[in-house]
Protein backbone atom coordinates (compact mmCIF):
# COMPACT_ATOMS: atom_id res chain seq x y z
CA MET A 1 128.37 67.62 42.31
CA THR A 2 131.23 64.95 42.96
CA GLY A 3 131.31 63.30 46.27
CA HIS A 4 130.76 60.44 48.60
CA CYS A 5 127.23 59.96 49.91
CA ILE A 6 123.66 57.72 49.91
CA CYS A 7 121.43 58.34 47.14
CA PRO A 8 119.43 61.39 47.12
CA GLY A 9 115.91 60.79 48.01
CA SER A 10 116.40 57.08 49.22
CA LEU A 11 115.64 57.68 52.85
CA GLU A 12 111.96 58.07 51.97
CA ASN A 13 112.57 54.66 49.62
CA LEU A 14 114.01 51.89 52.16
CA ASP A 15 111.00 50.62 52.85
CA ASN A 16 111.12 47.35 54.67
CA TYR A 17 114.96 47.51 54.87
CA MET A 18 115.10 50.76 57.02
CA MET A 19 115.09 49.48 60.19
CA ALA A 20 118.10 47.46 58.98
CA TRP A 21 119.73 50.70 57.59
CA ASN A 22 119.32 52.22 60.66
CA ASP A 23 121.21 49.77 62.88
CA LEU A 24 123.79 50.03 60.79
CA ASP A 25 127.19 53.14 61.13
CA PHE A 26 128.79 55.14 59.12
CA ALA A 27 132.20 55.66 59.04
CA GLU A 28 133.88 59.44 58.58
CA GLY A 29 133.23 60.41 54.87
CA PHE A 30 130.98 57.75 53.64
CA ASN A 31 127.80 60.41 53.06
CA GLY A 32 129.87 63.37 53.23
CA ALA A 33 128.62 65.07 50.39
CA THR A 34 124.64 65.02 51.48
CA ALA A 35 125.41 68.09 53.71
CA LEU A 36 126.99 69.78 51.19
CA LEU A 37 124.41 69.24 48.65
CA GLY A 38 122.27 71.72 51.26
CA GLU A 39 119.22 73.19 50.19
CA ASN A 40 120.44 71.82 46.76
CA LEU A 41 119.56 68.51 47.79
CA LYS A 42 116.67 68.41 46.46
CA LEU A 43 117.96 69.22 42.94
CA PHE A 44 119.21 65.68 43.01
CA ASP A 45 116.63 63.51 44.60
CA PRO A 46 114.70 61.97 41.77
CA PRO A 47 111.27 61.84 43.65
CA LYS A 48 111.18 65.49 43.54
CA ASN A 49 113.13 66.28 40.14
CA ARG A 50 112.04 63.72 37.38
CA ASP A 51 114.94 65.57 35.49
CA ALA A 52 117.17 64.60 38.02
CA LYS A 53 120.64 62.80 36.54
CA LEU A 54 123.02 60.64 38.69
CA VAL A 55 125.90 58.51 37.96
CA TYR A 56 127.34 56.40 40.61
CA VAL A 57 130.69 54.82 40.86
CA TYR A 58 131.06 51.72 42.59
CA ARG A 59 134.00 50.11 43.64
CA ASN A 60 133.80 46.12 45.03
CA PRO A 61 133.22 46.01 48.95
CA LEU A 62 136.56 44.57 48.85
CA ASP A 63 139.09 46.21 47.71
CA GLN A 64 136.93 49.54 48.83
CA ALA A 65 137.84 48.19 51.89
CA VAL A 66 141.54 47.66 51.50
CA SER A 67 142.31 51.07 49.68
CA TYR A 68 140.19 52.75 52.23
CA PHE A 69 142.36 51.01 55.14
CA ARG A 70 145.42 52.22 53.23
CA HIS A 71 144.06 55.87 52.76
CA MET A 72 143.09 56.54 56.52
CA GLN A 73 146.89 55.47 57.20
CA ASN A 74 148.55 58.67 57.05
CA HIS A 75 145.37 60.68 57.10
CA LYS A 76 145.71 64.07 58.79
CA ASN A 77 142.40 63.28 60.90
CA GLN A 78 143.99 60.20 62.74
CA ASP A 79 140.77 59.32 65.02
CA LEU A 80 140.21 57.33 61.42
CA LYS A 81 142.22 54.77 62.66
CA TYR A 82 140.28 54.23 65.71
CA TYR A 83 137.15 52.66 66.60
CA THR A 84 135.26 52.72 70.12
CA ASN A 85 134.47 49.60 71.29
CA LEU A 86 131.10 47.64 73.53
CA ASN A 87 133.33 49.37 76.61
CA ASP A 88 133.44 52.44 74.84
CA LYS A 89 137.25 52.19 74.81
CA LYS A 90 139.21 53.66 71.72
CA CYS A 91 140.68 51.04 69.74
CA LEU A 92 143.11 51.04 66.68
CA VAL A 93 142.23 49.50 63.28
CA ALA A 94 144.87 46.84 63.13
CA SER A 95 144.15 45.32 59.74
CA VAL A 96 141.92 45.79 56.83
CA SER A 97 139.65 42.90 58.09
CA GLU A 98 139.34 44.75 61.35
CA TYR A 99 138.41 47.61 59.89
CA VAL A 100 135.48 45.64 57.24
CA PHE A 101 134.02 44.40 60.68
CA VAL A 102 133.91 47.07 62.71
CA ALA A 103 133.33 50.04 60.39
CA GLY A 104 133.54 48.53 56.78
CA LEU A 105 131.13 47.16 55.57
CA ASP A 106 128.29 48.79 57.21
CA SER A 107 129.52 52.24 55.37
CA TYR A 108 129.47 50.26 52.29
CA ILE A 109 125.88 48.56 52.63
CA LYS A 110 124.57 52.04 53.88
CA GLN A 111 125.96 53.38 50.88
CA TYR A 112 125.57 51.24 48.13
CA LEU A 113 121.96 49.79 49.06
CA THR A 114 120.72 53.44 48.59
CA TRP A 115 121.95 53.66 44.90
CA LYS A 116 120.99 49.97 44.15
CA LEU A 117 116.98 50.57 45.30
CA MET A 118 116.65 53.49 44.08
CA LYS A 119 117.77 52.52 40.67
CA GLU A 120 115.47 49.93 40.70
CA LYS A 121 112.77 52.47 41.14
CA TYR A 122 114.18 55.65 39.41
CA TYR A 123 116.10 53.44 36.53
CA ASN A 124 115.73 56.51 33.14
CA ASN A 125 117.54 59.06 36.27
CA ILE A 126 120.83 57.11 37.57
CA PHE A 127 123.49 55.41 35.96
CA LEU A 128 125.44 52.89 37.51
CA ILE A 129 129.00 52.21 37.22
CA LYS A 130 131.70 49.48 38.72
CA TYR A 131 134.67 51.13 39.55
CA GLU A 132 136.39 48.36 37.64
CA GLU A 133 134.86 48.51 34.56
CA LEU A 134 135.63 51.97 34.51
CA VAL A 135 139.29 51.10 34.80
CA ARG A 136 139.56 48.31 32.36
CA ASN A 137 136.72 50.23 29.31
CA PRO A 138 137.36 53.99 30.54
CA ILE A 139 136.83 55.64 27.06
CA SER A 140 133.49 53.61 26.55
CA ILE A 141 132.14 53.57 30.43
CA PHE A 142 132.52 57.31 30.26
CA LYS A 143 131.06 58.49 27.31
CA LYS A 144 127.87 55.86 28.85
CA ALA A 145 128.21 58.66 31.91
CA LEU A 146 128.07 61.81 29.88
CA LEU A 147 125.36 60.51 27.27
CA HIS A 148 123.43 59.79 30.76
CA LEU A 149 124.15 63.02 31.65
CA GLY A 150 122.54 64.81 28.18
CA HIS A 151 126.30 65.34 26.62
CA ASP A 152 126.37 63.96 22.93
CA VAL A 153 130.04 63.30 23.12
CA ASP A 154 130.48 62.28 19.03
CA LYS A 155 129.20 65.65 18.40
CA THR A 156 132.47 67.50 16.44
CA LYS A 157 132.37 70.39 19.01
CA ASN A 158 133.21 68.12 21.75
CA GLN A 159 134.97 65.16 20.36
CA GLU A 160 138.43 67.01 21.45
CA LEU A 161 137.17 68.14 24.58
CA PHE A 162 136.36 64.28 25.53
CA ALA A 163 139.45 63.11 24.79
CA GLN A 164 141.22 65.83 26.44
CA ALA A 165 138.70 64.82 29.63
CA ILE A 166 140.13 61.00 28.87
CA ARG A 167 144.01 61.74 28.82
CA LEU A 168 143.70 64.07 31.78
CA SER A 169 141.61 61.54 34.04
CA SER A 170 144.05 59.14 33.53
CA LYS A 171 146.20 57.25 36.49
CA ASP A 172 149.59 58.91 35.24
CA SER A 173 147.94 61.88 34.61
CA MET A 174 146.65 62.01 37.87
CA LYS A 175 149.47 60.74 39.70
CA ASN A 176 151.44 64.10 37.72
CA ILE A 177 148.50 66.44 38.76
CA GLU A 178 149.95 65.17 42.35
CA ASN A 179 153.99 65.17 41.81
CA LEU A 180 152.85 69.03 40.68
CA ILE A 181 151.64 70.51 43.47
CA GLY A 182 153.56 68.06 46.33
CA HIS A 183 150.83 66.33 47.70
CA ALA A 184 147.36 64.07 47.24
CA LEU A 185 144.69 65.89 45.03
CA GLY A 186 142.55 65.63 49.12
CA ASN A 187 145.39 67.25 51.12
CA ASP A 188 144.45 65.06 53.51
CA GLN A 189 147.89 62.94 54.40
CA ILE A 190 150.31 63.87 56.88
CA VAL A 191 152.82 62.73 54.98
CA SER A 192 153.87 64.73 51.65
CA SER A 193 154.56 62.11 49.95
CA GLU A 194 151.39 60.35 50.17
CA ARG A 195 149.43 60.05 47.16
CA HIS A 196 145.42 59.33 46.91
CA VAL A 197 145.90 58.29 42.98
CA ARG A 198 147.82 54.35 44.01
CA ASP A 199 147.88 51.74 41.25
CA GLY A 200 144.00 50.99 41.21
CA LEU A 201 144.48 47.01 40.95
CA ILE A 202 141.57 44.70 41.01
CA GLY A 203 141.85 41.84 43.93
CA LYS A 204 144.28 43.19 45.80
CA TRP A 205 141.68 42.03 49.11
CA LYS A 206 143.18 38.35 48.49
CA ASN A 207 146.38 39.64 50.24
CA HIS A 208 144.46 40.82 53.09
CA LEU A 209 141.04 38.65 53.74
CA SER A 210 140.76 34.97 54.73
CA GLN A 211 138.11 32.80 53.12
CA SER A 212 136.39 32.97 56.85
CA ASP A 213 136.21 36.52 56.40
CA LEU A 214 134.09 36.45 52.72
CA ILE A 215 131.59 33.84 54.47
CA GLU A 216 131.28 36.27 57.21
CA ILE A 217 130.84 38.96 54.59
CA GLU A 218 128.43 37.37 52.57
CA LYS A 219 126.56 36.84 55.56
CA ARG A 220 126.59 40.14 56.57
CA LEU A 221 125.37 41.26 52.92
CA SER A 222 122.67 38.70 52.74
CA ARG A 223 120.67 40.43 55.14
CA PHE A 224 120.07 43.78 52.51
CA TYR A 225 119.98 40.72 49.68
CA ILE A 226 122.81 41.98 48.93
CA SER A 227 125.98 39.58 47.79
CA LEU A 228 129.92 39.21 46.59
CA SER A 229 128.48 37.94 43.07
CA GLU A 230 127.19 41.49 42.08
CA PHE A 231 130.70 42.60 41.95
CA THR A 232 133.87 42.39 40.02
CA LEU A 233 136.52 41.19 42.36
CA GLU A 234 138.91 40.24 40.23
């Protein structure tokens, strides 16, 4: 199962963070896989299933915001481009900076915090991967993820399968697949030429966020004892 969600079992393990966590809002899509898991959720829940193995890939919150803002511009669900202000008025999210502060950072914290805390409690069940490390070292990071899931990729019969998986999941291969099918992988864009797989560059946030933005972001993160220093920003 692959999807965007909070860590299964985490709501019973947020402890002193629970009240502040509940004050945050989710943007659509950040926790969609929880509902999809349905009655199977307990299989992915480390407190309930000590054999559960989970892998969480996370991008730094700044580049993640840039990517999400870009992706929602031509999304089939155009409601994603709007938020409701304190006067109950529907407003267009006009920039990456605005997206960060009206929805993006709240959503990121709600998801990331659950995985960070659960990793501390269930170290052997959860493997955390920085997106930036995966981009720079796909072979070694992917191999570690598979080993965590119980697959020995060094076995003779698995070596070619591993090499094939690396080839098929490369950026160029994924782009070719999108071009072949004629639309984004998620088929969620109103423009057929739009793609889900873009450049994947690290540090694009520098073109969208100011120093004052970073100070406010750090302030909000610190409420949950999270810091930008935990992430790979460039």
